[in-house]
Amino acid sequence: MEWKDGRPRCRWANPENPRYLYYHDKEWGVPVHDDRLLFEMLILEGFQAGLSWECVLNKREAFRRAFDGFAWEKVAAYDAEKCEALARDPGIIRNKRKIAAAVQNARVFEDIRREWGSFDRYLWHWTEGKTLCERDKTTSPLSDALSADLRRRGMKFVGSTIVYAYLQAVGVLWSHEEDCFLREPPCQNP
């Protein structure tokens, strides 16, 4: 694949979509420790189920507007009327099950924050605060375990494949391809 700037990237990055290139170059795989962004990415990954990430990414600003800047406290309080309004919003993915899951997941997110002090502390404890390297996978024992724990706590749309993509997105896993200019990982594998 030819890249206009001459820097090779992961095959999934669309060279014709500047938003996607920015996401690949500046966000994907960068360790996230901000609970608001961790919540945003968790919700967006859930909406991706069955769709492309590019589709979700192209609607990200509309999602931010529709979901009150991904303030989990507000999302956790959404009632049926607000969920119906979201289901009519043409700017976002209007799947009612995914909308309901976002509200439920916000409530569980709050519970985890209360238990652990932050969602960041909960998430990163799974790797003892380390970024791990894995390539060419869609699930792993880590995503299996985290998915099972989140589902046990009541979250929805957090199967192992979605959780694996989430871990990649927020930098718990470093998965840039061998040919990518970002291939040198900040990993701390034993």
N, C-alpha and C. Protein backbone atom coordinates (compact mmCIF):
# COMPACT_ATOMS: atom_id res chain seq x y z
N MET A 1 0.85 -1.18 0.00
CA MET A 1 0.00 0.00 0.00
C MET A 1 0.89 1.24 0.00
N GLU A 2 0.49 2.22 -0.74
CA GLU A 2 1.22 3.48 -0.82
C GLU A 2 0.63 4.49 0.17
N TRP A 3 1.51 5.11 0.95
CA TRP A 3 1.10 6.11 1.91
C TRP A 3 1.63 7.46 1.44
N LYS A 4 0.78 8.45 1.38
CA LYS A 4 1.15 9.76 0.85
C LYS A 4 2.36 10.37 1.56
N ASP A 5 2.48 10.12 2.86
CA ASP A 5 3.61 10.67 3.60
C ASP A 5 4.81 9.72 3.65
N GLY A 6 4.68 8.56 2.99
CA GLY A 6 5.78 7.60 2.92
C GLY A 6 5.97 6.75 4.17
N ARG A 7 5.11 6.94 5.19
CA ARG A 7 5.23 6.15 6.41
C ARG A 7 4.27 4.97 6.35
N PRO A 8 4.77 3.75 6.33
CA PRO A 8 3.88 2.58 6.28
C PRO A 8 3.11 2.43 7.59
N ARG A 9 1.87 2.00 7.46
CA ARG A 9 1.01 1.83 8.63
C ARG A 9 0.39 0.45 8.63
N CYS A 10 -0.33 0.15 9.71
CA CYS A 10 -1.07 -1.11 9.79
C CYS A 10 -2.04 -1.17 8.61
N ARG A 11 -2.26 -2.37 8.10
CA ARG A 11 -3.10 -2.56 6.91
C ARG A 11 -4.52 -2.05 7.09
N TRP A 12 -5.03 -2.04 8.32
CA TRP A 12 -6.41 -1.63 8.54
C TRP A 12 -6.63 -0.13 8.44
N ALA A 13 -5.57 0.66 8.50
CA ALA A 13 -5.72 2.12 8.45
C ALA A 13 -6.03 2.57 7.02
N ASN A 14 -7.13 3.26 6.85
CA ASN A 14 -7.55 3.72 5.53
C ASN A 14 -6.76 4.97 5.15
N PRO A 15 -5.91 4.88 4.10
CA PRO A 15 -5.08 6.03 3.75
C PRO A 15 -5.88 7.23 3.22
N GLU A 16 -7.14 7.02 2.89
CA GLU A 16 -7.97 8.10 2.34
C GLU A 16 -8.80 8.81 3.41
N ASN A 17 -8.71 8.38 4.66
CA ASN A 17 -9.52 8.97 5.72
C ASN A 17 -8.61 9.62 6.75
N PRO A 18 -8.46 10.95 6.70
CA PRO A 18 -7.56 11.64 7.64
C PRO A 18 -7.90 11.38 9.11
N ARG A 19 -9.18 11.26 9.41
CA ARG A 19 -9.60 10.98 10.80
C ARG A 19 -9.06 9.62 11.24
N TYR A 20 -9.13 8.66 10.35
CA TYR A 20 -8.66 7.30 10.65
C TYR A 20 -7.13 7.28 10.79
N LEU A 21 -6.44 8.02 9.94
CA LEU A 21 -4.98 8.07 10.02
C LEU A 21 -4.54 8.72 11.33
N TYR A 22 -5.21 9.79 11.71
CA TYR A 22 -4.89 10.44 12.98
C TYR A 22 -5.11 9.45 14.13
N TYR A 23 -6.23 8.75 14.11
CA TYR A 23 -6.52 7.77 15.16
C TYR A 23 -5.41 6.72 15.21
N HIS A 24 -5.03 6.18 14.07
CA HIS A 24 -3.97 5.17 14.02
C HIS A 24 -2.66 5.73 14.56
N ASP A 25 -2.28 6.91 14.10
CA ASP A 25 -0.97 7.48 14.42
C ASP A 25 -0.86 8.03 15.84
N LYS A 26 -1.94 8.59 16.37
CA LYS A 26 -1.86 9.32 17.64
C LYS A 26 -2.63 8.72 18.81
N GLU A 27 -3.58 7.82 18.53
CA GLU A 27 -4.41 7.31 19.63
C GLU A 27 -4.30 5.81 19.84
N TRP A 28 -4.42 5.03 18.76
CA TRP A 28 -4.53 3.58 18.89
C TRP A 28 -3.26 3.00 19.51
N GLY A 29 -3.41 2.34 20.63
CA GLY A 29 -2.29 1.72 21.29
C GLY A 29 -1.58 2.60 22.30
N VAL A 30 -1.95 3.87 22.38
CA VAL A 30 -1.34 4.76 23.36
C VAL A 30 -2.00 4.50 24.71
N PRO A 31 -1.21 4.21 25.75
CA PRO A 31 -1.81 3.92 27.06
C PRO A 31 -2.70 5.06 27.57
N VAL A 32 -3.92 4.69 27.94
CA VAL A 32 -4.92 5.64 28.44
C VAL A 32 -5.11 5.39 29.93
N HIS A 33 -5.10 6.48 30.71
CA HIS A 33 -5.32 6.37 32.15
C HIS A 33 -6.43 7.31 32.63
N ASP A 34 -7.08 7.99 31.71
CA ASP A 34 -8.16 8.91 32.02
C ASP A 34 -9.49 8.14 31.97
N ASP A 35 -10.20 8.12 33.09
CA ASP A 35 -11.44 7.34 33.14
C ASP A 35 -12.47 7.77 32.10
N ARG A 36 -12.56 9.07 31.82
CA ARG A 36 -13.54 9.51 30.83
C ARG A 36 -13.23 8.92 29.47
N LEU A 37 -11.97 8.94 29.07
CA LEU A 37 -11.60 8.37 27.78
C LEU A 37 -11.71 6.85 27.80
N LEU A 38 -11.40 6.23 28.92
CA LEU A 38 -11.57 4.77 29.02
C LEU A 38 -13.05 4.41 28.85
N PHE A 39 -13.94 5.21 29.43
CA PHE A 39 -15.37 4.96 29.28
C PHE A 39 -15.80 5.18 27.83
N GLU A 40 -15.36 6.28 27.24
CA GLU A 40 -15.70 6.56 25.84
C GLU A 40 -15.31 5.39 24.94
N MET A 41 -14.09 4.93 25.08
CA MET A 41 -13.63 3.86 24.20
C MET A 41 -14.38 2.55 24.46
N LEU A 42 -14.72 2.29 25.71
CA LEU A 42 -15.49 1.09 26.04
C LEU A 42 -16.86 1.13 25.34
N ILE A 43 -17.52 2.27 25.41
CA ILE A 43 -18.83 2.40 24.78
C ILE A 43 -18.72 2.33 23.26
N LEU A 44 -17.75 3.02 22.69
CA LEU A 44 -17.59 2.99 21.23
C LEU A 44 -17.25 1.59 20.73
N GLU A 45 -16.41 0.88 21.46
CA GLU A 45 -16.09 -0.50 21.04
C GLU A 45 -17.35 -1.37 21.06
N GLY A 46 -18.22 -1.15 22.02
CA GLY A 46 -19.48 -1.90 22.06
C GLY A 46 -20.36 -1.59 20.87
N PHE A 47 -20.38 -0.33 20.46
CA PHE A 47 -21.18 0.04 19.28
C PHE A 47 -20.57 -0.52 18.00
N GLN A 48 -19.28 -0.82 18.01
CA GLN A 48 -18.64 -1.36 16.82
C GLN A 48 -19.10 -2.77 16.49
N ALA A 49 -19.58 -3.53 17.46
CA ALA A 49 -19.94 -4.93 17.24
C ALA A 49 -20.73 -5.10 15.95
N GLY A 50 -20.18 -5.90 15.04
CA GLY A 50 -20.83 -6.17 13.77
C GLY A 50 -20.59 -5.10 12.71
N LEU A 51 -19.86 -4.05 13.05
CA LEU A 51 -19.59 -2.95 12.12
C LEU A 51 -18.08 -2.73 12.03
N SER A 52 -17.67 -1.79 11.20
CA SER A 52 -16.25 -1.46 11.12
C SER A 52 -15.93 -0.36 12.12
N TRP A 53 -14.67 -0.34 12.57
CA TRP A 53 -14.24 0.73 13.46
C TRP A 53 -14.31 2.07 12.75
N GLU A 54 -14.03 2.06 11.46
CA GLU A 54 -14.07 3.31 10.70
C GLU A 54 -15.47 3.93 10.74
N CYS A 55 -16.50 3.10 10.66
CA CYS A 55 -17.88 3.58 10.75
C CYS A 55 -18.10 4.29 12.09
N VAL A 56 -17.66 3.66 13.17
CA VAL A 56 -17.84 4.24 14.50
C VAL A 56 -17.01 5.51 14.64
N LEU A 57 -15.77 5.46 14.19
CA LEU A 57 -14.88 6.60 14.31
C LEU A 57 -15.42 7.82 13.56
N ASN A 58 -16.02 7.59 12.41
CA ASN A 58 -16.60 8.69 11.64
C ASN A 58 -17.78 9.34 12.36
N LYS A 59 -18.40 8.63 13.30
CA LYS A 59 -19.53 9.15 14.06
C LYS A 59 -19.14 9.57 15.49
N ARG A 60 -17.85 9.54 15.77
CA ARG A 60 -17.38 9.77 17.14
C ARG A 60 -17.85 11.11 17.72
N GLU A 61 -17.75 12.17 16.96
CA GLU A 61 -18.19 13.48 17.48
C GLU A 61 -19.69 13.50 17.75
N ALA A 62 -20.46 12.86 16.90
CA ALA A 62 -21.90 12.78 17.13
C ALA A 62 -22.19 11.95 18.38
N PHE A 63 -21.43 10.89 18.60
CA PHE A 63 -21.57 10.10 19.82
C PHE A 63 -21.24 10.95 21.05
N ARG A 64 -20.18 11.72 20.96
CA ARG A 64 -19.80 12.57 22.10
C ARG A 64 -20.93 13.55 22.45
N ARG A 65 -21.51 14.13 21.42
CA ARG A 65 -22.62 15.05 21.64
C ARG A 65 -23.83 14.32 22.23
N ALA A 66 -24.18 13.21 21.61
CA ALA A 66 -25.38 12.47 22.02
C ALA A 66 -25.26 11.88 23.43
N PHE A 67 -24.05 11.47 23.79
CA PHE A 67 -23.84 10.82 25.09
C PHE A 67 -23.17 11.76 26.10
N ASP A 68 -23.51 13.04 26.02
CA ASP A 68 -23.07 14.02 27.02
C ASP A 68 -21.58 13.97 27.29
N GLY A 69 -20.79 13.93 26.22
CA GLY A 69 -19.34 13.92 26.37
C GLY A 69 -18.81 12.67 27.05
N PHE A 70 -19.61 11.62 27.03
CA PHE A 70 -19.27 10.35 27.69
C PHE A 70 -19.03 10.53 29.18
N ALA A 71 -19.82 11.39 29.79
CA ALA A 71 -19.82 11.51 31.25
C ALA A 71 -20.61 10.32 31.79
N TRP A 72 -19.92 9.33 32.32
CA TRP A 72 -20.59 8.08 32.72
C TRP A 72 -21.69 8.33 33.74
N GLU A 73 -21.53 9.35 34.60
CA GLU A 73 -22.56 9.62 35.61
C GLU A 73 -23.87 10.01 34.93
N LYS A 74 -23.79 10.79 33.87
CA LYS A 74 -24.99 11.19 33.15
C LYS A 74 -25.57 10.02 32.38
N VAL A 75 -24.70 9.26 31.70
CA VAL A 75 -25.18 8.12 30.91
C VAL A 75 -25.85 7.10 31.82
N ALA A 76 -25.30 6.87 33.00
CA ALA A 76 -25.87 5.91 33.94
C ALA A 76 -27.28 6.30 34.37
N ALA A 77 -27.60 7.58 34.29
CA ALA A 77 -28.91 8.07 34.72
C ALA A 77 -29.92 8.17 33.58
N TYR A 78 -29.54 7.80 32.37
CA TYR A 78 -30.47 7.90 31.25
C TYR A 78 -31.71 7.05 31.51
N ASP A 79 -32.85 7.64 31.17
CA ASP A 79 -34.12 6.92 31.31
C ASP A 79 -34.61 6.46 29.94
N ALA A 80 -35.76 5.83 29.91
CA ALA A 80 -36.32 5.29 28.66
C ALA A 80 -36.53 6.39 27.62
N GLU A 81 -36.95 7.56 28.06
CA GLU A 81 -37.18 8.67 27.13
C GLU A 81 -35.87 9.10 26.45
N LYS A 82 -34.81 9.20 27.22
CA LYS A 82 -33.51 9.58 26.65
C LYS A 82 -33.02 8.49 25.69
N CYS A 83 -33.21 7.24 26.04
CA CYS A 83 -32.80 6.13 25.16
C CYS A 83 -33.58 6.15 23.85
N GLU A 84 -34.86 6.48 23.92
CA GLU A 84 -35.66 6.60 22.70
C GLU A 84 -35.17 7.75 21.83
N ALA A 85 -34.80 8.86 22.46
CA ALA A 85 -34.26 9.99 21.71
C ALA A 85 -32.96 9.60 21.02
N LEU A 86 -32.12 8.85 21.71
CA LEU A 86 -30.87 8.38 21.11
C LEU A 86 -31.15 7.46 19.92
N ALA A 87 -32.17 6.64 20.04
CA ALA A 87 -32.53 5.71 18.96
C ALA A 87 -33.05 6.44 17.72
N ARG A 88 -33.38 7.70 17.87
CA ARG A 88 -33.84 8.51 16.72
C ARG A 88 -32.75 9.44 16.20
N ASP A 89 -31.58 9.45 16.85
CA ASP A 89 -30.51 10.38 16.47
C ASP A 89 -29.79 9.84 15.23
N PRO A 90 -29.90 10.51 14.08
CA PRO A 90 -29.29 10.01 12.84
C PRO A 90 -27.76 10.10 12.83
N GLY A 91 -27.18 10.80 13.78
CA GLY A 91 -25.73 10.95 13.81
C GLY A 91 -24.99 9.77 14.40
N ILE A 92 -25.72 8.93 15.14
CA ILE A 92 -25.07 7.80 15.81
C ILE A 92 -25.62 6.48 15.28
N ILE A 93 -25.08 5.39 15.76
CA ILE A 93 -25.60 4.06 15.46
C ILE A 93 -26.81 3.88 16.37
N ARG A 94 -27.98 3.65 15.79
CA ARG A 94 -29.23 3.71 16.55
C ARG A 94 -29.75 2.34 16.99
N ASN A 95 -28.87 1.45 17.29
CA ASN A 95 -29.23 0.12 17.74
C ASN A 95 -29.71 0.19 19.19
N LYS A 96 -30.96 -0.13 19.43
CA LYS A 96 -31.54 0.01 20.77
C LYS A 96 -30.86 -0.88 21.80
N ARG A 97 -30.44 -2.08 21.40
CA ARG A 97 -29.74 -2.97 22.33
C ARG A 97 -28.40 -2.38 22.74
N LYS A 98 -27.71 -1.77 21.80
CA LYS A 98 -26.41 -1.16 22.11
C LYS A 98 -26.58 0.09 22.96
N ILE A 99 -27.62 0.83 22.73
CA ILE A 99 -27.91 2.02 23.54
C ILE A 99 -28.21 1.59 24.98
N ALA A 100 -29.05 0.58 25.13
CA ALA A 100 -29.37 0.07 26.48
C ALA A 100 -28.11 -0.47 27.15
N ALA A 101 -27.26 -1.12 26.39
CA ALA A 101 -26.01 -1.65 26.94
C ALA A 101 -25.10 -0.51 27.41
N ALA A 102 -25.06 0.58 26.67
CA ALA A 102 -24.23 1.72 27.06
C ALA A 102 -24.68 2.26 28.43
N VAL A 103 -25.98 2.32 28.64
CA VAL A 103 -26.51 2.80 29.92
C VAL A 103 -26.17 1.81 31.03
N GLN A 104 -26.41 0.54 30.79
CA GLN A 104 -26.07 -0.48 31.78
C GLN A 104 -24.57 -0.48 32.08
N ASN A 105 -23.77 -0.37 31.04
CA ASN A 105 -22.31 -0.40 31.22
C ASN A 105 -21.83 0.83 32.00
N ALA A 106 -22.50 1.96 31.83
CA ALA A 106 -22.15 3.15 32.61
C ALA A 106 -22.40 2.90 34.09
N ARG A 107 -23.47 2.20 34.41
CA ARG A 107 -23.78 1.90 35.81
C ARG A 107 -22.73 0.97 36.40
N VAL A 108 -22.35 -0.05 35.64
CA VAL A 108 -21.32 -0.97 36.12
C VAL A 108 -19.97 -0.26 36.21
N PHE A 109 -19.69 0.61 35.25
CA PHE A 109 -18.46 1.40 35.27
C PHE A 109 -18.37 2.19 36.58
N GLU A 110 -19.49 2.82 36.97
CA GLU A 110 -19.53 3.55 38.25
C GLU A 110 -19.26 2.63 39.43
N ASP A 111 -19.87 1.44 39.40
CA ASP A 111 -19.65 0.47 40.48
C ASP A 111 -18.18 0.09 40.58
N ILE A 112 -17.55 -0.15 39.44
CA ILE A 112 -16.12 -0.51 39.43
C ILE A 112 -15.29 0.64 39.97
N ARG A 113 -15.63 1.86 39.59
CA ARG A 113 -14.89 3.03 40.09
C ARG A 113 -15.00 3.13 41.62
N ARG A 114 -16.20 2.88 42.13
CA ARG A 114 -16.37 2.92 43.59
C ARG A 114 -15.53 1.83 44.26
N GLU A 115 -15.52 0.65 43.69
CA GLU A 115 -14.78 -0.47 44.27
C GLU A 115 -13.27 -0.27 44.20
N TRP A 116 -12.76 0.21 43.07
CA TRP A 116 -11.32 0.28 42.82
C TRP A 116 -10.74 1.68 42.97
N GLY A 117 -11.56 2.70 43.12
CA GLY A 117 -11.06 4.07 43.19
C GLY A 117 -11.02 4.74 41.83
N SER A 118 -10.88 3.96 40.78
CA SER A 118 -10.93 4.44 39.40
C SER A 118 -11.06 3.23 38.49
N PHE A 119 -11.62 3.44 37.31
CA PHE A 119 -11.67 2.36 36.34
C PHE A 119 -10.26 2.07 35.83
N ASP A 120 -9.45 3.10 35.74
CA ASP A 120 -8.05 2.96 35.33
C ASP A 120 -7.34 1.93 36.21
N ARG A 121 -7.48 2.06 37.51
CA ARG A 121 -6.81 1.14 38.44
C ARG A 121 -7.32 -0.29 38.21
N TYR A 122 -8.62 -0.44 38.03
CA TYR A 122 -9.19 -1.76 37.76
C TYR A 122 -8.63 -2.34 36.47
N LEU A 123 -8.67 -1.57 35.39
CA LEU A 123 -8.26 -2.08 34.08
C LEU A 123 -6.79 -2.47 34.07
N TRP A 124 -5.94 -1.59 34.54
CA TRP A 124 -4.50 -1.83 34.44
C TRP A 124 -3.99 -2.85 35.46
N HIS A 125 -4.80 -3.20 36.44
CA HIS A 125 -4.33 -4.23 37.39
C HIS A 125 -4.20 -5.59 36.69
N TRP A 126 -4.92 -5.76 35.60
CA TRP A 126 -4.88 -7.04 34.88
C TRP A 126 -3.49 -7.31 34.30
N THR A 127 -2.71 -6.27 34.07
CA THR A 127 -1.36 -6.44 33.53
C THR A 127 -0.31 -5.83 34.45
N GLU A 128 -0.68 -5.57 35.69
CA GLU A 128 0.21 -4.95 36.66
C GLU A 128 0.76 -3.62 36.13
N GLY A 129 -0.08 -2.90 35.39
CA GLY A 129 0.28 -1.59 34.88
C GLY A 129 1.16 -1.61 33.64
N LYS A 130 1.36 -2.77 33.06
CA LYS A 130 2.26 -2.89 31.92
C LYS A 130 1.50 -2.98 30.60
N THR A 131 2.10 -2.42 29.55
CA THR A 131 1.59 -2.61 28.20
C THR A 131 2.21 -3.90 27.67
N LEU A 132 1.37 -4.77 27.14
CA LEU A 132 1.84 -6.04 26.61
C LEU A 132 1.82 -6.02 25.09
N CYS A 133 2.70 -6.78 24.48
CA CYS A 133 2.76 -6.89 23.02
C CYS A 133 2.06 -8.15 22.56
N GLU A 134 1.15 -7.98 21.61
CA GLU A 134 0.51 -9.11 20.95
C GLU A 134 0.12 -8.65 19.56
N ARG A 135 0.39 -9.48 18.60
CA ARG A 135 0.02 -9.17 17.22
C ARG A 135 -0.76 -10.34 16.64
N ASP A 136 -1.57 -10.01 15.65
CA ASP A 136 -2.27 -11.01 14.86
C ASP A 136 -3.21 -11.88 15.68
N LYS A 137 -3.87 -11.28 16.67
CA LYS A 137 -4.86 -12.01 17.47
C LYS A 137 -6.15 -11.18 17.52
N THR A 138 -7.23 -11.85 17.85
CA THR A 138 -8.50 -11.15 18.08
C THR A 138 -9.03 -11.42 19.48
N THR A 139 -8.47 -12.39 20.16
CA THR A 139 -8.78 -12.67 21.56
C THR A 139 -7.52 -13.22 22.22
N SER A 140 -7.55 -13.29 23.54
CA SER A 140 -6.41 -13.83 24.28
C SER A 140 -6.91 -14.28 25.65
N PRO A 141 -6.10 -14.97 26.41
CA PRO A 141 -6.51 -15.30 27.78
C PRO A 141 -6.84 -14.04 28.59
N LEU A 142 -6.12 -12.94 28.35
CA LEU A 142 -6.41 -11.68 29.05
C LEU A 142 -7.79 -11.16 28.68
N SER A 143 -8.09 -11.09 27.38
CA SER A 143 -9.41 -10.57 26.98
C SER A 143 -10.52 -11.53 27.42
N ASP A 144 -10.25 -12.82 27.42
CA ASP A 144 -11.23 -13.79 27.91
C ASP A 144 -11.56 -13.52 29.38
N ALA A 145 -10.52 -13.34 30.20
CA ALA A 145 -10.71 -13.14 31.64
C ALA A 145 -11.39 -11.81 31.94
N LEU A 146 -10.94 -10.74 31.28
CA LEU A 146 -11.55 -9.43 31.52
C LEU A 146 -13.00 -9.42 31.05
N SER A 147 -13.25 -10.00 29.88
CA SER A 147 -14.62 -10.09 29.37
C SER A 147 -15.52 -10.83 30.36
N ALA A 148 -15.04 -11.95 30.86
CA ALA A 148 -15.84 -12.74 31.81
C ALA A 148 -16.13 -11.93 33.07
N ASP A 149 -15.14 -11.18 33.56
CA ASP A 149 -15.35 -10.39 34.77
C ASP A 149 -16.35 -9.26 34.52
N LEU A 150 -16.21 -8.58 33.39
CA LEU A 150 -17.15 -7.49 33.08
C LEU A 150 -18.57 -8.02 32.91
N ARG A 151 -18.72 -9.17 32.25
CA ARG A 151 -20.05 -9.76 32.08
C ARG A 151 -20.62 -10.20 33.43
N ARG A 152 -19.78 -10.77 34.27
CA ARG A 152 -20.23 -11.18 35.61
C ARG A 152 -20.75 -9.97 36.39
N ARG A 153 -20.13 -8.83 36.18
CA ARG A 153 -20.54 -7.60 36.87
C ARG A 153 -21.78 -6.97 36.25
N GLY A 154 -22.19 -7.44 35.05
CA GLY A 154 -23.42 -6.96 34.43
C GLY A 154 -23.26 -6.19 33.14
N MET A 155 -22.04 -6.03 32.64
CA MET A 155 -21.86 -5.31 31.38
C MET A 155 -22.34 -6.15 30.19
N LYS A 156 -22.70 -5.45 29.13
CA LYS A 156 -23.17 -6.05 27.88
C LYS A 156 -22.27 -5.61 26.74
N PHE A 157 -22.27 -6.36 25.66
CA PHE A 157 -21.44 -6.07 24.48
C PHE A 157 -19.97 -5.96 24.89
N VAL A 158 -19.54 -6.90 25.72
CA VAL A 158 -18.15 -6.95 26.15
C VAL A 158 -17.61 -8.37 26.01
N GLY A 159 -17.93 -9.00 24.87
CA GLY A 159 -17.36 -10.31 24.59
C GLY A 159 -15.85 -10.20 24.42
N SER A 160 -15.18 -11.32 24.37
CA SER A 160 -13.72 -11.33 24.33
C SER A 160 -13.15 -10.57 23.13
N THR A 161 -13.78 -10.67 21.97
CA THR A 161 -13.26 -9.97 20.79
C THR A 161 -13.39 -8.45 20.96
N ILE A 162 -14.52 -7.99 21.47
CA ILE A 162 -14.70 -6.56 21.72
C ILE A 162 -13.72 -6.08 22.78
N VAL A 163 -13.55 -6.84 23.84
CA VAL A 163 -12.62 -6.47 24.90
C VAL A 163 -11.19 -6.45 24.37
N TYR A 164 -10.84 -7.39 23.51
CA TYR A 164 -9.49 -7.41 22.94
C TYR A 164 -9.25 -6.12 22.14
N ALA A 165 -10.22 -5.75 21.31
CA ALA A 165 -10.09 -4.51 20.54
C ALA A 165 -9.98 -3.30 21.47
N TYR A 166 -10.73 -3.33 22.55
CA TYR A 166 -10.66 -2.25 23.55
C TYR A 166 -9.27 -2.16 24.17
N LEU A 167 -8.72 -3.31 24.55
CA LEU A 167 -7.39 -3.33 25.15
C LEU A 167 -6.33 -2.79 24.18
N GLN A 168 -6.50 -3.09 22.90
CA GLN A 168 -5.60 -2.54 21.90
C GLN A 168 -5.77 -1.02 21.80
N ALA A 169 -7.01 -0.59 21.76
CA ALA A 169 -7.31 0.84 21.58
C ALA A 169 -6.75 1.69 22.71
N VAL A 170 -6.83 1.20 23.94
CA VAL A 170 -6.42 2.00 25.09
C VAL A 170 -5.00 1.69 25.56
N GLY A 171 -4.26 0.94 24.76
CA GLY A 171 -2.84 0.76 25.02
C GLY A 171 -2.44 -0.28 26.03
N VAL A 172 -3.39 -1.07 26.51
CA VAL A 172 -3.01 -2.19 27.37
C VAL A 172 -2.27 -3.22 26.51
N LEU A 173 -2.69 -3.35 25.26
CA LEU A 173 -2.00 -4.20 24.28
C LEU A 173 -1.44 -3.34 23.17
N TRP A 174 -0.22 -3.63 22.77
CA TRP A 174 0.43 -2.95 21.64
C TRP A 174 0.42 -3.93 20.49
N SER A 175 -0.27 -3.56 19.40
CA SER A 175 -0.48 -4.51 18.31
C SER A 175 -0.16 -3.96 16.93
N HIS A 176 0.61 -2.89 16.85
CA HIS A 176 0.96 -2.37 15.52
C HIS A 176 1.71 -3.45 14.74
N GLU A 177 1.40 -3.55 13.47
CA GLU A 177 1.97 -4.59 12.61
C GLU A 177 3.46 -4.38 12.38
N GLU A 178 4.15 -5.45 12.02
CA GLU A 178 5.60 -5.42 11.81
C GLU A 178 6.04 -4.38 10.80
N ASP A 179 5.22 -4.12 9.77
CA ASP A 179 5.59 -3.17 8.73
C ASP A 179 5.22 -1.73 9.07
N CYS A 180 4.51 -1.52 10.17
CA CYS A 180 4.04 -0.18 10.55
C CYS A 180 5.19 0.65 11.11
N PHE A 181 5.17 1.94 10.82
CA PHE A 181 6.22 2.80 11.36
C PHE A 181 6.16 2.89 12.89
N LEU A 182 5.06 2.47 13.49
CA LEU A 182 4.92 2.47 14.94
C LEU A 182 5.18 1.08 15.55
N ARG A 183 5.86 0.23 14.81
CA ARG A 183 6.05 -1.15 15.23
C ARG A 183 6.87 -1.31 16.51
N GLU A 184 7.74 -0.34 16.82
CA GLU A 184 8.56 -0.46 18.03
C GLU A 184 7.69 -0.21 19.25
N PRO A 185 7.45 -1.23 20.00
CA PRO A 185 6.49 -1.13 21.10
C PRO A 185 7.09 -0.60 22.40
N PRO A 186 6.22 -0.05 23.23
CA PRO A 186 6.61 0.33 24.58
C PRO A 186 6.32 -0.83 25.53
N CYS A 187 6.39 -2.05 25.01
CA CYS A 187 5.93 -3.22 25.78
C CYS A 187 6.88 -3.59 26.89
N GLN A 188 6.27 -4.23 27.87
CA GLN A 188 7.03 -4.67 29.03
C GLN A 188 6.79 -6.15 29.28
N ASN A 189 6.75 -6.94 28.20
CA ASN A 189 6.53 -8.36 28.36
C ASN A 189 7.68 -8.98 29.13
N PRO A 190 7.38 -9.98 29.96
CA PRO A 190 8.45 -10.64 30.72
C PRO A 190 9.38 -11.40 29.78
